[in-house]
PDB file of all heavy atoms in Angstrom:
ATOM      1  N   ASP A   1       0.817  -1.215   0.000  1.00  0.00           N
ATOM      2  CA  ASP A   1       0.000   0.000   0.000  1.00  0.00           C
ATOM      3  C   ASP A   1       0.850   1.265   0.000  1.00  0.00           C
ATOM      4  O   ASP A   1       0.330   2.358  -0.272  1.00  0.00           O
ATOM      5  CB  ASP A   1      -0.916   0.014   1.228  1.00  0.00           C
ATOM      6  CG  ASP A   1      -1.956  -1.101   1.185  1.00  0.00           C
ATOM      7  OD1 ASP A   1      -2.261  -1.566   0.069  1.00  0.00           O
ATOM      8  OD2 ASP A   1      -2.439  -1.519   2.255  1.00  0.00           O
ATOM      9  N   ASP A   2       2.149   1.133   0.311  1.00  0.00           N
ATOM     10  CA  ASP A   2       3.037   2.292   0.325  1.00  0.00           C
ATOM     11  C   ASP A   2       3.438   2.744  -1.076  1.00  0.00           C
ATOM     12  O   ASP A   2       4.017   3.823  -1.225  1.00  0.00           O
ATOM     13  CB  ASP A   2       4.309   1.984   1.130  1.00  0.00           C
ATOM     14  CG  ASP A   2       4.008   1.718   2.598  1.00  0.00           C
ATOM     15  OD1 ASP A   2       2.996   2.245   3.092  1.00  0.00           O
ATOM     16  OD2 ASP A   2       4.777   0.977   3.240  1.00  0.00           O
ATOM     17  N   LEU A   3       3.167   1.942  -2.099  1.00  0.00           N
ATOM     18  CA  LEU A   3       3.563   2.305  -3.459  1.00  0.00           C
ATOM     19  C   LEU A   3       2.685   3.430  -3.993  1.00  0.00           C
ATOM     20  O   LEU A   3       1.455   3.317  -3.991  1.00  0.00           O
ATOM     21  CB  LEU A   3       3.442   1.087  -4.393  1.00  0.00           C
ATOM     22  CG  LEU A   3       4.471  -0.024  -4.217  1.00  0.00           C
ATOM     23  CD1 LEU A   3       4.111  -1.212  -5.094  1.00  0.00           C
ATOM     24  CD2 LEU A   3       5.865   0.460  -4.556  1.00  0.00           C
ATOM     25  N   PRO A   4       3.268   4.519  -4.459  1.00  0.00           N
ATOM     26  CA  PRO A   4       2.455   5.581  -5.073  1.00  0.00           C
ATOM     27  C   PRO A   4       1.875   5.078  -6.397  1.00  0.00           C
ATOM     28  O   PRO A   4       2.558   4.390  -7.164  1.00  0.00           O
ATOM     29  CB  PRO A   4       3.453   6.719  -5.291  1.00  0.00           C
ATOM     30  CG  PRO A   4       4.795   6.066  -5.292  1.00  0.00           C
ATOM     31  CD  PRO A   4       4.695   4.876  -4.399  1.00  0.00           C
ATOM     32  N   PRO A   5       0.626   5.417  -6.707  1.00  0.00           N
ATOM     33  CA  PRO A   5      -0.053   4.809  -7.859  1.00  0.00           C
ATOM     34  C   PRO A   5       0.224   5.499  -9.187  1.00  0.00           C
ATOM     35  O   PRO A   5      -0.702   5.833  -9.930  1.00  0.00           O
ATOM     36  CB  PRO A   5      -1.524   4.937  -7.464  1.00  0.00           C
ATOM     37  CG  PRO A   5      -1.577   6.205  -6.674  1.00  0.00           C
ATOM     38  CD  PRO A   5      -0.273   6.289  -5.926  1.00  0.00           C
ATOM     39  N   PHE A   6       1.481   5.723  -9.535  1.00  0.00           N
ATOM     40  CA  PHE A   6       1.754   6.401 -10.798  1.00  0.00           C
ATOM     41  C   PHE A   6       1.894   5.388 -11.942  1.00  0.00           C
ATOM     42  O   PHE A   6       2.165   4.203 -11.733  1.00  0.00           O
ATOM     43  CB  PHE A   6       3.006   7.270 -10.692  1.00  0.00           C
ATOM     44  CG  PHE A   6       4.301   6.511 -10.602  1.00  0.00           C
ATOM     45  CD1 PHE A   6       4.977   6.103 -11.743  1.00  0.00           C
ATOM     46  CD2 PHE A   6       4.865   6.212  -9.362  1.00  0.00           C
ATOM     47  CE1 PHE A   6       6.180   5.418 -11.663  1.00  0.00           C
ATOM     48  CE2 PHE A   6       6.055   5.524  -9.270  1.00  0.00           C
ATOM     49  CZ  PHE A   6       6.710   5.118 -10.421  1.00  0.00           C
ATOM     50  N   THR A   7       1.697   5.867 -13.136  1.00  0.00           N
ATOM     51  CA  THR A   7       1.889   5.065 -14.350  1.00  0.00           C
ATOM     52  C   THR A   7       2.877   5.788 -15.250  1.00  0.00           C
ATOM     53  O   THR A   7       3.021   7.016 -15.185  1.00  0.00           O
ATOM     54  CB  THR A   7       0.566   4.849 -15.096  1.00  0.00           C
ATOM     55  OG1 THR A   7      -0.009   6.137 -15.425  1.00  0.00           O
ATOM     56  CG2 THR A   7      -0.417   4.063 -14.241  1.00  0.00           C
ATOM     57  N   LEU A   8       3.547   5.013 -16.087  1.00  0.00           N
ATOM     58  CA  LEU A   8       4.609   5.573 -16.921  1.00  0.00           C
ATOM     59  C   LEU A   8       4.644   4.830 -18.251  1.00  0.00           C
ATOM     60  O   LEU A   8       4.458   3.608 -18.295  1.00  0.00           O
ATOM     61  CB  LEU A   8       5.940   5.456 -16.193  1.00  0.00           C
ATOM     62  CG  LEU A   8       7.204   5.977 -16.856  1.00  0.00           C
ATOM     63  CD1 LEU A   8       8.150   6.539 -15.805  1.00  0.00           C
ATOM     64  CD2 LEU A   8       7.925   4.845 -17.606  1.00  0.00           C
ATOM     65  N   LYS A   9       4.896   5.570 -19.308  1.00  0.00           N
ATOM     66  CA  LYS A   9       5.020   4.969 -20.638  1.00  0.00           C
ATOM     67  C   LYS A   9       6.233   5.568 -21.340  1.00  0.00           C
ATOM     68  O   LYS A   9       6.446   6.792 -21.311  1.00  0.00           O
ATOM     69  CB  LYS A   9       3.760   5.230 -21.463  1.00  0.00           C
ATOM     70  CG  LYS A   9       3.760   4.549 -22.823  1.00  0.00           C
ATOM     71  CD  LYS A   9       2.456   4.764 -23.556  1.00  0.00           C
ATOM     72  CE  LYS A   9       2.453   4.061 -24.906  1.00  0.00           C
ATOM     73  NZ  LYS A   9       1.181   4.272 -25.629  1.00  0.00           N
ATOM     74  N   VAL A  10       7.037   4.697 -21.945  1.00  0.00           N
ATOM     75  CA  VAL A  10       8.212   5.133 -22.698  1.00  0.00           C
ATOM     76  C   VAL A  10       7.809   5.264 -24.161  1.00  0.00           C
ATOM     77  O   VAL A  10       7.484   4.265 -24.821  1.00  0.00           O
ATOM     78  CB  VAL A  10       9.379   4.146 -22.541  1.00  0.00           C
ATOM     79  CG1 VAL A  10      10.601   4.658 -23.306  1.00  0.00           C
ATOM     80  CG2 VAL A  10       9.715   3.938 -21.076  1.00  0.00           C
ATOM     81  N   ASN A  11       7.785   6.493 -24.666  1.00  0.00           N
ATOM     82  CA  ASN A  11       7.320   6.740 -26.036  1.00  0.00           C
ATOM     83  C   ASN A  11       8.448   6.687 -27.062  1.00  0.00           C
ATOM     84  O   ASN A  11       8.259   6.185 -28.166  1.00  0.00           O
ATOM     85  CB  ASN A  11       6.633   8.109 -26.097  1.00  0.00           C
ATOM     86  CG  ASN A  11       5.458   8.197 -25.146  1.00  0.00           C
ATOM     87  OD1 ASN A  11       4.569   7.359 -25.179  1.00  0.00           O
ATOM     88  ND2 ASN A  11       5.462   9.202 -24.283  1.00  0.00           N
ATOM     89  N   THR A  12       9.622   7.195 -26.687  1.00  0.00           N
ATOM     90  CA  THR A  12      10.744   7.233 -27.624  1.00  0.00           C
ATOM     91  C   THR A  12      12.027   6.899 -26.877  1.00  0.00           C
ATOM     92  O   THR A  12      12.126   7.096 -25.666  1.00  0.00           O
ATOM     93  CB  THR A  12      10.898   8.624 -28.273  1.00  0.00           C
ATOM     94  OG1 THR A  12      11.118   9.608 -27.260  1.00  0.00           O
ATOM     95  CG2 THR A  12       9.647   8.981 -29.061  1.00  0.00           C
ATOM     96  N   PHE A  13      12.986   6.416 -27.611  1.00  0.00           N
ATOM     97  CA  PHE A  13      14.323   6.198 -27.052  1.00  0.00           C
ATOM     98  C   PHE A  13      15.343   6.384 -28.164  1.00  0.00           C
ATOM     99  O   PHE A  13      15.178   5.879 -29.280  1.00  0.00           O
ATOM    100  CB  PHE A  13      14.460   4.799 -26.463  1.00  0.00           C
ATOM    101  CG  PHE A  13      15.832   4.532 -25.905  1.00  0.00           C
ATOM    102  CD1 PHE A  13      16.197   5.033 -24.672  1.00  0.00           C
ATOM    103  CD2 PHE A  13      16.773   3.813 -26.634  1.00  0.00           C
ATOM    104  CE1 PHE A  13      17.459   4.814 -24.163  1.00  0.00           C
ATOM    105  CE2 PHE A  13      18.040   3.589 -26.133  1.00  0.00           C
ATOM    106  CZ  PHE A  13      18.380   4.091 -24.896  1.00  0.00           C
ATOM    107  N   LYS A  14      16.406   7.107 -27.816  1.00  0.00           N
ATOM    108  CA  LYS A  14      17.470   7.349 -28.783  1.00  0.00           C
ATOM    109  C   LYS A  14      18.806   7.162 -28.102  1.00  0.00           C
ATOM    110  O   LYS A  14      19.059   7.727 -27.044  1.00  0.00           O
ATOM    111  CB  LYS A  14      17.367   8.762 -29.365  1.00  0.00           C
ATOM    112  CG  LYS A  14      18.416   9.047 -30.436  1.00  0.00           C
ATOM    113  CD  LYS A  14      18.255  10.445 -31.007  1.00  0.00           C
ATOM    114  CE  LYS A  14      19.309  10.720 -32.081  1.00  0.00           C
ATOM    115  NZ  LYS A  14      19.187  12.097 -32.629  1.00  0.00           N
ATOM    116  N   ALA A  15      19.654   6.362 -28.730  1.00  0.00           N
ATOM    117  CA  ALA A  15      21.018   6.153 -28.248  1.00  0.00           C
ATOM    118  C   ALA A  15      21.988   6.549 -29.354  1.00  0.00           C
ATOM    119  O   ALA A  15      21.764   6.226 -30.527  1.00  0.00           O
ATOM    120  CB  ALA A  15      21.241   4.697 -27.851  1.00  0.00           C
ATOM    121  N   THR A  16      23.036   7.256 -28.978  1.00  0.00           N
ATOM    122  CA  THR A  16      24.060   7.634 -29.948  1.00  0.00           C
ATOM    123  C   THR A  16      25.386   7.020 -29.539  1.00  0.00           C
ATOM    124  O   THR A  16      25.689   6.882 -28.352  1.00  0.00           O
ATOM    125  CB  THR A  16      24.201   9.167 -30.035  1.00  0.00           C
ATOM    126  OG1 THR A  16      24.535   9.685 -28.736  1.00  0.00           O
ATOM    127  CG2 THR A  16      22.905   9.812 -30.495  1.00  0.00           C
ATOM    128  N   PHE A  17      26.176   6.638 -30.551  1.00  0.00           N
ATOM    129  CA  PHE A  17      27.453   5.972 -30.321  1.00  0.00           C
ATOM    130  C   PHE A  17      28.520   6.633 -31.183  1.00  0.00           C
ATOM    131  O   PHE A  17      28.233   7.197 -32.248  1.00  0.00           O
ATOM    132  CB  PHE A  17      27.366   4.481 -30.678  1.00  0.00           C
ATOM    133  CG  PHE A  17      26.271   3.740 -29.967  1.00  0.00           C
ATOM    134  CD1 PHE A  17      25.005   3.627 -30.533  1.00  0.00           C
ATOM    135  CD2 PHE A  17      26.484   3.164 -28.726  1.00  0.00           C
ATOM    136  CE1 PHE A  17      23.985   2.947 -29.896  1.00  0.00           C
ATOM    137  CE2 PHE A  17      25.479   2.480 -28.074  1.00  0.00           C
ATOM    138  CZ  PHE A  17      24.222   2.373 -28.654  1.00  0.00           C
ATOM    139  N   ALA A  18      29.764   6.556 -30.706  1.00  0.00           N
ATOM    140  CA  ALA A  18      30.897   7.049 -31.499  1.00  0.00           C
ATOM    141  C   ALA A  18      31.061   6.173 -32.737  1.00  0.00           C
ATOM    142  O   ALA A  18      31.047   4.946 -32.645  1.00  0.00           O
ATOM    143  CB  ALA A  18      32.167   7.039 -30.656  1.00  0.00           C
ATOM    144  N   THR A  19      31.207   6.797 -33.894  1.00  0.00           N
ATOM    145  CA  THR A  19      31.262   6.051 -35.151  1.00  0.00           C
ATOM    146  C   THR A  19      32.669   5.873 -35.695  1.00  0.00           C
ATOM    147  O   THR A  19      32.851   5.145 -36.670  1.00  0.00           O
ATOM    148  CB  THR A  19      30.399   6.768 -36.213  1.00  0.00           C
ATOM    149  OG1 THR A  19      30.862   8.118 -36.358  1.00  0.00           O
ATOM    150  CG2 THR A  19      28.939   6.777 -35.795  1.00  0.00           C
ATOM    151  N   ASP A  20      33.652   6.525 -35.108  1.00  0.00           N
ATOM    152  CA  ASP A  20      35.023   6.362 -35.586  1.00  0.00           C
ATOM    153  C   ASP A  20      35.985   6.610 -34.435  1.00  0.00           C
ATOM    154  O   ASP A  20      35.593   6.969 -33.324  1.00  0.00           O
ATOM    155  CB  ASP A  20      35.322   7.299 -36.767  1.00  0.00           C
ATOM    156  CG  ASP A  20      34.985   8.752 -36.453  1.00  0.00           C
ATOM    157  OD1 ASP A  20      34.914   9.105 -35.251  1.00  0.00           O
ATOM    158  OD2 ASP A  20      34.789   9.537 -37.388  1.00  0.00           O
ATOM    159  N   GLY A  21      37.260   6.439 -34.703  1.00  0.00           N
ATOM    160  CA  GLY A  21      38.272   6.658 -33.685  1.00  0.00           C
ATOM    161  C   GLY A  21      38.467   5.446 -32.795  1.00  0.00           C
ATOM    162  O   GLY A  21      37.805   4.410 -32.955  1.00  0.00           O
ATOM    163  N   PRO A  22      39.379   5.565 -31.838  1.00  0.00           N
ATOM    164  CA  PRO A  22      39.678   4.414 -30.961  1.00  0.00           C
ATOM    165  C   PRO A  22      38.506   4.004 -30.082  1.00  0.00           C
ATOM    166  O   PRO A  22      38.460   2.877 -29.588  1.00  0.00           O
ATOM    167  CB  PRO A  22      40.862   4.915 -30.112  1.00  0.00           C
ATOM    168  CG  PRO A  22      40.786   6.410 -30.187  1.00  0.00           C
ATOM    169  CD  PRO A  22      40.225   6.729 -31.540  1.00  0.00           C
ATOM    170  N   GLN A  23      37.544   4.918 -29.851  1.00  0.00           N
ATOM    171  CA  GLN A  23      36.380   4.596 -29.031  1.00  0.00           C
ATOM    172  C   GLN A  23      35.141   4.333 -29.877  1.00  0.00           C
ATOM    173  O   GLN A  23      34.004   4.552 -29.438  1.00  0.00           O
ATOM    174  CB  GLN A  23      36.107   5.717 -28.036  1.00  0.00           C
ATOM    175  CG  GLN A  23      37.189   5.863 -26.982  1.00  0.00           C
ATOM    176  CD  GLN A  23      36.760   6.764 -25.845  1.00  0.00           C
ATOM    177  OE1 GLN A  23      35.748   7.439 -25.909  1.00  0.00           O
ATOM    178  NE2 GLN A  23      37.543   6.763 -24.783  1.00  0.00           N
ATOM    179  N   ARG A  24      35.346   3.845 -31.054  1.00  0.00           N
ATOM    180  CA  ARG A  24      34.218   3.528 -31.924  1.00  0.00           C
ATOM    181  C   ARG A  24      33.284   2.538 -31.224  1.00  0.00           C
ATOM    182  O   ARG A  24      33.707   1.525 -30.692  1.00  0.00           O
ATOM    183  CB  ARG A  24      34.717   2.924 -33.235  1.00  0.00           C
ATOM    184  CG  ARG A  24      33.606   2.595 -34.238  1.00  0.00           C
ATOM    185  CD  ARG A  24      34.186   2.036 -35.515  1.00  0.00           C
ATOM    186  NE  ARG A  24      33.150   1.800 -36.510  1.00  0.00           N
ATOM    187  CZ  ARG A  24      32.431   0.680 -36.602  1.00  0.00           C
ATOM    188  NH1 ARG A  24      32.666  -0.313 -35.741  1.00  0.00           N
ATOM    189  NH2 ARG A  24      31.501   0.543 -37.535  1.00  0.00           N
ATOM    190  N   GLY A  25      32.001   2.851 -31.221  1.00  0.00           N
ATOM    191  CA  GLY A  25      31.011   2.009 -30.568  1.00  0.00           C
ATOM    192  C   GLY A  25      30.724   2.391 -29.133  1.00  0.00           C
ATOM    193  O   GLY A  25      29.784   1.870 -28.532  1.00  0.00           O
ATOM    194  N   ALA A  26      31.526   3.319 -28.569  1.00  0.00           N
ATOM    195  CA  ALA A  26      31.278   3.740 -27.189  1.00  0.00           C
ATOM    196  C   ALA A  26      30.027   4.609 -27.125  1.00  0.00           C
ATOM    197  O   ALA A  26      29.741   5.392 -28.032  1.00  0.00           O
ATOM    198  CB  ALA A  26      32.475   4.515 -26.650  1.00  0.00           C
ATOM    199  N   ALA A  27      29.269   4.439 -26.059  1.00  0.00           N
ATOM    200  CA  ALA A  27      28.024   5.185 -25.906  1.00  0.00           C
ATOM    201  C   ALA A  27      28.312   6.663 -25.682  1.00  0.00           C
ATOM    202  O   ALA A  27      29.239   7.033 -24.963  1.00  0.00           O
ATOM    203  CB  ALA A  27      27.225   4.630 -24.741  1.00  0.00           C
ATOM    204  N   ARG A  28      27.513   7.503 -26.295  1.00  0.00           N
ATOM    205  CA  ARG A  28      27.630   8.944 -26.131  1.00  0.00           C
ATOM    206  C   ARG A  28      26.434   9.528 -25.378  1.00  0.00           C
ATOM    207  O   ARG A  28      26.589  10.427 -24.569  1.00  0.00           O
ATOM    208  CB  ARG A  28      27.770   9.626 -27.507  1.00  0.00           C
ATOM    209  CG  ARG A  28      29.125   9.392 -28.159  1.00  0.00           C
ATOM    210  CD  ARG A  28      30.194  10.132 -27.377  1.00  0.00           C
ATOM    211  NE  ARG A  28      31.538   9.908 -27.919  1.00  0.00           N
ATOM    212  CZ  ARG A  28      32.424   9.080 -27.410  1.00  0.00           C
ATOM    213  NH1 ARG A  28      32.101   8.368 -26.333  1.00  0.00           N
ATOM    214  NH2 ARG A  28      33.624   8.930 -27.926  1.00  0.00           N
ATOM    215  N   SER A  29      25.250   9.027 -25.630  1.00  0.00           N
ATOM    216  CA  SER A  29      24.070   9.536 -24.923  1.00  0.00           C
ATOM    217  C   SER A  29      22.948   8.525 -25.001  1.00  0.00           C
ATOM    218  O   SER A  29      22.858   7.741 -25.944  1.00  0.00           O
ATOM    219  CB  SER A  29      23.613  10.876 -25.510  1.00  0.00           C
ATOM    220  OG  SER A  29      23.150  10.703 -26.844  1.00  0.00           O
ATOM    221  N   PHE A  30      22.112   8.531 -23.963  1.00  0.00           N
ATOM    222  CA  PHE A  30      20.875   7.756 -23.930  1.00  0.00           C
ATOM    223  C   PHE A  30      19.763   8.716 -23.544  1.00  0.00           C
ATOM    224  O   PHE A  30      19.890   9.459 -22.569  1.00  0.00           O
ATOM    225  CB  PHE A  30      20.945   6.614 -22.904  1.00  0.00           C
ATOM    226  CG  PHE A  30      22.080   5.661 -23.132  1.00  0.00           C
ATOM    227  CD1 PHE A  30      23.071   5.496 -22.183  1.00  0.00           C
ATOM    228  CD2 PHE A  30      22.155   4.920 -24.295  1.00  0.00           C
ATOM    229  CE1 PHE A  30      24.109   4.619 -22.374  1.00  0.00           C
ATOM    230  CE2 PHE A  30      23.200   4.044 -24.506  1.00  0.00           C
ATOM    231  CZ  PHE A  30      24.179   3.889 -23.547  1.00  0.00           C
ATOM    232  N   ASP A  31      18.691   8.696 -24.280  1.00  0.00           N
ATOM    233  CA  ASP A  31      17.631   9.676 -24.076  1.00  0.00           C
ATOM    234  C   ASP A  31      16.281   9.004 -24.295  1.00  0.00           C
ATOM    235  O   ASP A  31      15.988   8.528 -25.395  1.00  0.00           O
ATOM    236  CB  ASP A  31      17.817  10.836 -25.063  1.00  0.00           C
ATOM    237  CG  ASP A  31      16.963  12.025 -24.714  1.00  0.00           C
ATOM    238  OD1 ASP A  31      16.100  11.888 -23.839  1.00  0.00           O
ATOM    239  OD2 ASP A  31      17.158  13.100 -25.317  1.00  0.00           O
ATOM    240  N   ALA A  32      15.471   8.947 -23.217  1.00  0.00           N
ATOM    241  CA  ALA A  32      14.151   8.320 -23.304  1.00  0.00           C
ATOM    242  C   ALA A  32      13.083   9.378 -23.053  1.00  0.00           C
ATOM    243  O   ALA A  32      13.119  10.074 -22.028  1.00  0.00           O
ATOM    244  CB  ALA A  32      14.026   7.185 -22.295  1.00  0.00           C
ATOM    245  N   GLY A  33      12.151   9.494 -23.962  1.00  0.00           N
ATOM    246  CA  GLY A  33      11.020  10.392 -23.785  1.00  0.00           C
ATOM    247  C   GLY A  33       9.862   9.645 -23.149  1.00  0.00           C
ATOM    248  O   GLY A  33       9.349   8.681 -23.721  1.00  0.00           O
ATOM    249  N   VAL A  34       9.459  10.060 -21.951  1.00  0.00           N
ATOM    250  CA  VAL A  34       8.418   9.346 -21.220  1.00  0.00           C
ATOM    251  C   VAL A  34       7.266  10.295 -20.910  1.00  0.00           C
ATOM    252  O   VAL A  34       7.429  11.520 -20.848  1.00  0.00           O
ATOM    253  CB  VAL A  34       8.957   8.731 -19.909  1.00  0.00           C
ATOM    254  CG1 VAL A  34      10.128   7.813 -20.186  1.00  0.00           C
ATOM    255  CG2 VAL A  34       9.354   9.809 -18.917  1.00  0.00           C
ATOM    256  N   THR A  35       6.102   9.703 -20.732  1.00  0.00           N
ATOM    257  CA  THR A  35       4.941  10.404 -20.189  1.00  0.00           C
ATOM    258  C   THR A  35       4.485   9.642 -18.957  1.00  0.00           C
ATOM    259  O   THR A  35       4.598   8.417 -18.895  1.00  0.00           O
ATOM    260  CB  THR A  35       3.809  10.497 -21.209  1.00  0.00           C
ATOM    261  OG1 THR A  35       3.485   9.183 -21.693  1.00  0.00           O
ATOM    262  CG2 THR A  35       4.192  11.375 -22.382  1.00  0.00           C
TER     263      THR A  35
END
């Protein structure tokens, strides 16, 4: 009963990665649009 009754939906998600250089494939950002 202590749980607050909120709801959440993930509408969009975008991840960007390095495309070249020694860190190719390393994550640069994660961004989720939620309501």
